[in-house]
Amino acid sequence: MLTENLWRCFTSNTFDFFLYRLAYFRFESNNNNWSLGRIYMMK
């Protein structure tokens, strides 16, 4: 899944952490990269 660097990047901010959790949940549920890719684009 996500690397330690990305984990620290997302958890450095509460809102970013929320986006990460939302994207991760969707990734696990849908079994595709759409949501995670969208979060990367936003960053």
PDB file of N, CA and C in Angstrom:
ATOM      1  N   MET A   1       0.837  -1.201   0.000  1.00  0.00           N
ATOM      2  CA  MET A   1       0.000   0.000   0.000  1.00  0.00           C
ATOM      3  C   MET A   1       0.882   1.266   0.000  1.00  0.00           C
ATOM      4  N   LEU A   2       0.570   2.174   0.901  1.00  0.00           N
ATOM      5  CA  LEU A   2       1.308   3.430   0.942  1.00  0.00           C
ATOM      6  C   LEU A   2       2.621   3.287   1.692  1.00  0.00           C
ATOM      7  N   THR A   3       3.598   4.058   1.291  1.00  0.00           N
ATOM      8  CA  THR A   3       4.912   4.006   1.925  1.00  0.00           C
ATOM      9  C   THR A   3       4.917   4.839   3.201  1.00  0.00           C
ATOM     10  N   GLU A   4       5.961   4.697   3.993  1.00  0.00           N
ATOM     11  CA  GLU A   4       6.095   5.482   5.223  1.00  0.00           C
ATOM     12  C   GLU A   4       6.147   6.981   4.926  1.00  0.00           C
ATOM     13  N   ASN A   5       6.832   7.358   3.839  1.00  0.00           N
ATOM     14  CA  ASN A   5       6.910   8.773   3.479  1.00  0.00           C
ATOM     15  C   ASN A   5       5.538   9.355   3.192  1.00  0.00           C
ATOM     16  N   LEU A   6       4.726   8.615   2.429  1.00  0.00           N
ATOM     17  CA  LEU A   6       3.378   9.090   2.142  1.00  0.00           C
ATOM     18  C   LEU A   6       2.538   9.123   3.407  1.00  0.00           C
ATOM     19  N   TRP A   7       2.740   8.117   4.264  1.00  0.00           N
ATOM     20  CA  TRP A   7       1.999   8.086   5.530  1.00  0.00           C
ATOM     21  C   TRP A   7       2.281   9.348   6.335  1.00  0.00           C
ATOM     22  N   ARG A   8       3.552   9.712   6.471  1.00  0.00           N
ATOM     23  CA  ARG A   8       3.917  10.917   7.219  1.00  0.00           C
ATOM     24  C   ARG A   8       3.380  12.172   6.538  1.00  0.00           C
ATOM     25  N   CYS A   9       3.417  12.174   5.219  1.00  0.00           N
ATOM     26  CA  CYS A   9       2.909  13.316   4.464  1.00  0.00           C
ATOM     27  C   CYS A   9       1.430  13.538   4.743  1.00  0.00           C
ATOM     28  N   PHE A  10       0.654  12.453   4.696  1.00  0.00           N
ATOM     29  CA  PHE A  10      -0.787  12.572   4.909  1.00  0.00           C
ATOM     30  C   PHE A  10      -1.137  12.861   6.360  1.00  0.00           C
ATOM     31  N   THR A  11      -0.399  12.286   7.296  1.00  0.00           N
ATOM     32  CA  THR A  11      -0.728  12.456   8.710  1.00  0.00           C
ATOM     33  C   THR A  11      -0.177  13.752   9.291  1.00  0.00           C
ATOM     34  N   SER A  12       0.577  14.516   8.509  1.00  0.00           N
ATOM     35  CA  SER A  12       1.117  15.785   8.984  1.00  0.00           C
ATOM     36  C   SER A  12       0.010  16.822   9.150  1.00  0.00           C
ATOM     37  N   ASN A  13      -1.140  16.534   8.592  1.00  0.00           N
ATOM     38  CA  ASN A  13      -2.270  17.459   8.661  1.00  0.00           C
ATOM     39  C   ASN A  13      -3.549  16.659   8.870  1.00  0.00           C
ATOM     40  N   THR A  14      -4.396  17.108   9.804  1.00  0.00           N
ATOM     41  CA  THR A  14      -5.616  16.370  10.139  1.00  0.00           C
ATOM     42  C   THR A  14      -6.520  16.187   8.930  1.00  0.00           C
ATOM     43  N   PHE A  15      -6.696  17.238   8.121  1.00  0.00           N
ATOM     44  CA  PHE A  15      -7.550  17.143   6.943  1.00  0.00           C
ATOM     45  C   PHE A  15      -6.961  16.176   5.922  1.00  0.00           C
ATOM     46  N   ASP A  16      -5.650  16.245   5.727  1.00  0.00           N
ATOM     47  CA  ASP A  16      -4.981  15.308   4.823  1.00  0.00           C
ATOM     48  C   ASP A  16      -5.127  13.878   5.322  1.00  0.00           C
ATOM     49  N   PHE A  17      -5.073  13.699   6.645  1.00  0.00           N
ATOM     50  CA  PHE A  17      -5.251  12.372   7.220  1.00  0.00           C
ATOM     51  C   PHE A  17      -6.650  11.850   6.904  1.00  0.00           C
ATOM     52  N   PHE A  18      -7.659  12.719   7.023  1.00  0.00           N
ATOM     53  CA  PHE A  18      -9.030  12.340   6.692  1.00  0.00           C
ATOM     54  C   PHE A  18      -9.136  11.929   5.225  1.00  0.00           C
ATOM     55  N   LEU A  19      -8.520  12.690   4.339  1.00  0.00           N
ATOM     56  CA  LEU A  19      -8.539  12.358   2.913  1.00  0.00           C
ATOM     57  C   LEU A  19      -7.864  11.018   2.664  1.00  0.00           C
ATOM     58  N   TYR A  20      -6.761  10.785   3.370  1.00  0.00           N
ATOM     59  CA  TYR A  20      -6.052   9.513   3.220  1.00  0.00           C
ATOM     60  C   TYR A  20      -6.936   8.345   3.641  1.00  0.00           C
ATOM     61  N   ARG A  21      -7.579   8.456   4.792  1.00  0.00           N
ATOM     62  CA  ARG A  21      -8.442   7.391   5.283  1.00  0.00           C
ATOM     63  C   ARG A  21      -9.601   7.148   4.325  1.00  0.00           C
ATOM     64  N   LEU A  22     -10.183   8.224   3.816  1.00  0.00           N
ATOM     65  CA  LEU A  22     -11.293   8.099   2.873  1.00  0.00           C
ATOM     66  C   LEU A  22     -10.829   7.392   1.599  1.00  0.00           C
ATOM     67  N   ALA A  23      -9.683   7.804   1.081  1.00  0.00           N
ATOM     68  CA  ALA A  23      -9.143   7.185  -0.131  1.00  0.00           C
ATOM     69  C   ALA A  23      -8.796   5.720   0.113  1.00  0.00           C
ATOM     70  N   TYR A  24      -8.196   5.423   1.259  1.00  0.00           N
ATOM     71  CA  TYR A  24      -7.812   4.049   1.571  1.00  0.00           C
ATOM     72  C   TYR A  24      -9.043   3.159   1.685  1.00  0.00           C
ATOM     73  N   PHE A  25     -10.076   3.663   2.345  1.00  0.00           N
ATOM     74  CA  PHE A  25     -11.315   2.901   2.478  1.00  0.00           C
ATOM     75  C   PHE A  25     -11.911   2.596   1.106  1.00  0.00           C
ATOM     76  N   ARG A  26     -11.942   3.588   0.238  1.00  0.00           N
ATOM     77  CA  ARG A  26     -12.482   3.398  -1.111  1.00  0.00           C
ATOM     78  C   ARG A  26     -11.604   2.442  -1.910  1.00  0.00           C
ATOM     79  N   PHE A  27     -10.292   2.526  -1.727  1.00  0.00           N
ATOM     80  CA  PHE A  27      -9.370   1.631  -2.416  1.00  0.00           C
ATOM     81  C   PHE A  27      -9.653   0.187  -2.013  1.00  0.00           C
ATOM     82  N   GLU A  28      -9.808  -0.060  -0.723  1.00  0.00           N
ATOM     83  CA  GLU A  28     -10.088  -1.402  -0.232  1.00  0.00           C
ATOM     84  C   GLU A  28     -11.458  -1.879  -0.701  1.00  0.00           C
ATOM     85  N   SER A  29     -12.436  -0.997  -0.709  1.00  0.00           N
ATOM     86  CA  SER A  29     -13.804  -1.365  -1.079  1.00  0.00           C
ATOM     87  C   SER A  29     -13.950  -1.632  -2.574  1.00  0.00           C
ATOM     88  N   ASN A  30     -13.358  -0.750  -3.387  1.00  0.00           N
ATOM     89  CA  ASN A  30     -13.513  -0.856  -4.838  1.00  0.00           C
ATOM     90  C   ASN A  30     -12.431  -1.699  -5.498  1.00  0.00           C
ATOM     91  N   ASN A  31     -11.326  -1.920  -4.764  1.00  0.00           N
ATOM     92  CA  ASN A  31     -10.210  -2.714  -5.291  1.00  0.00           C
ATOM     93  C   ASN A  31      -9.656  -2.124  -6.590  1.00  0.00           C
ATOM     94  N   ASN A  32      -9.512  -0.798  -6.609  1.00  0.00           N
ATOM     95  CA  ASN A  32      -8.877  -0.118  -7.749  1.00  0.00           C
ATOM     96  C   ASN A  32      -8.145   1.128  -7.267  1.00  0.00           C
ATOM     97  N   ASN A  33      -7.418   1.801  -8.173  1.00  0.00           N
ATOM     98  CA  ASN A  33      -6.572   2.929  -7.789  1.00  0.00           C
ATOM     99  C   ASN A  33      -7.225   4.299  -7.991  1.00  0.00           C
ATOM    100  N   TRP A  34      -8.504   4.338  -8.375  1.00  0.00           N
ATOM    101  CA  TRP A  34      -9.140   5.609  -8.730  1.00  0.00           C
ATOM    102  C   TRP A  34      -9.042   6.650  -7.619  1.00  0.00           C
ATOM    103  N   SER A  35      -9.485   6.284  -6.409  1.00  0.00           N
ATOM    104  CA  SER A  35      -9.507   7.249  -5.315  1.00  0.00           C
ATOM    105  C   SER A  35      -8.108   7.668  -4.882  1.00  0.00           C
ATOM    106  N   LEU A  36      -7.200   6.698  -4.749  1.00  0.00           N
ATOM    107  CA  LEU A  36      -5.834   7.033  -4.360  1.00  0.00           C
ATOM    108  C   LEU A  36      -5.180   7.920  -5.405  1.00  0.00           C
ATOM    109  N   GLY A  37      -5.415   7.637  -6.677  1.00  0.00           N
ATOM    110  CA  GLY A  37      -4.874   8.466  -7.743  1.00  0.00           C
ATOM    111  C   GLY A  37      -5.409   9.882  -7.657  1.00  0.00           C
ATOM    112  N   ARG A  38      -6.682  10.014  -7.309  1.00  0.00           N
ATOM    113  CA  ARG A  38      -7.295  11.335  -7.183  1.00  0.00           C
ATOM    114  C   ARG A  38      -6.640  12.121  -6.047  1.00  0.00           C
ATOM    115  N   ILE A  39      -6.379  11.443  -4.922  1.00  0.00           N
ATOM    116  CA  ILE A  39      -5.721  12.102  -3.792  1.00  0.00           C
ATOM    117  C   ILE A  39      -4.315  12.555  -4.183  1.00  0.00           C
ATOM    118  N   TYR A  40      -3.578  11.717  -4.925  1.00  0.00           N
ATOM    119  CA  TYR A  40      -2.247  12.108  -5.380  1.00  0.00           C
ATOM    120  C   TYR A  40      -2.321  13.362  -6.250  1.00  0.00           C
ATOM    121  N   MET A  41      -3.327  13.440  -7.110  1.00  0.00           N
ATOM    122  CA  MET A  41      -3.505  14.604  -7.972  1.00  0.00           C
ATOM    123  C   MET A  41      -3.773  15.851  -7.137  1.00  0.00           C
ATOM    124  N   MET A  42      -4.553  15.711  -6.080  1.00  0.00           N
ATOM    125  CA  MET A  42      -4.882  16.842  -5.209  1.00  0.00           C
ATOM    126  C   MET A  42      -3.643  17.358  -4.484  1.00  0.00           C
ATOM    127  N   LYS A  43      -2.759  16.451  -4.116  1.00  0.00           N
ATOM    128  CA  LYS A  43      -1.538  16.854  -3.428  1.00  0.00           C
ATOM    129  C   LYS A  43      -0.599  17.543  -4.418  1.00  0.00           C
TER     130      LYS A  43
END
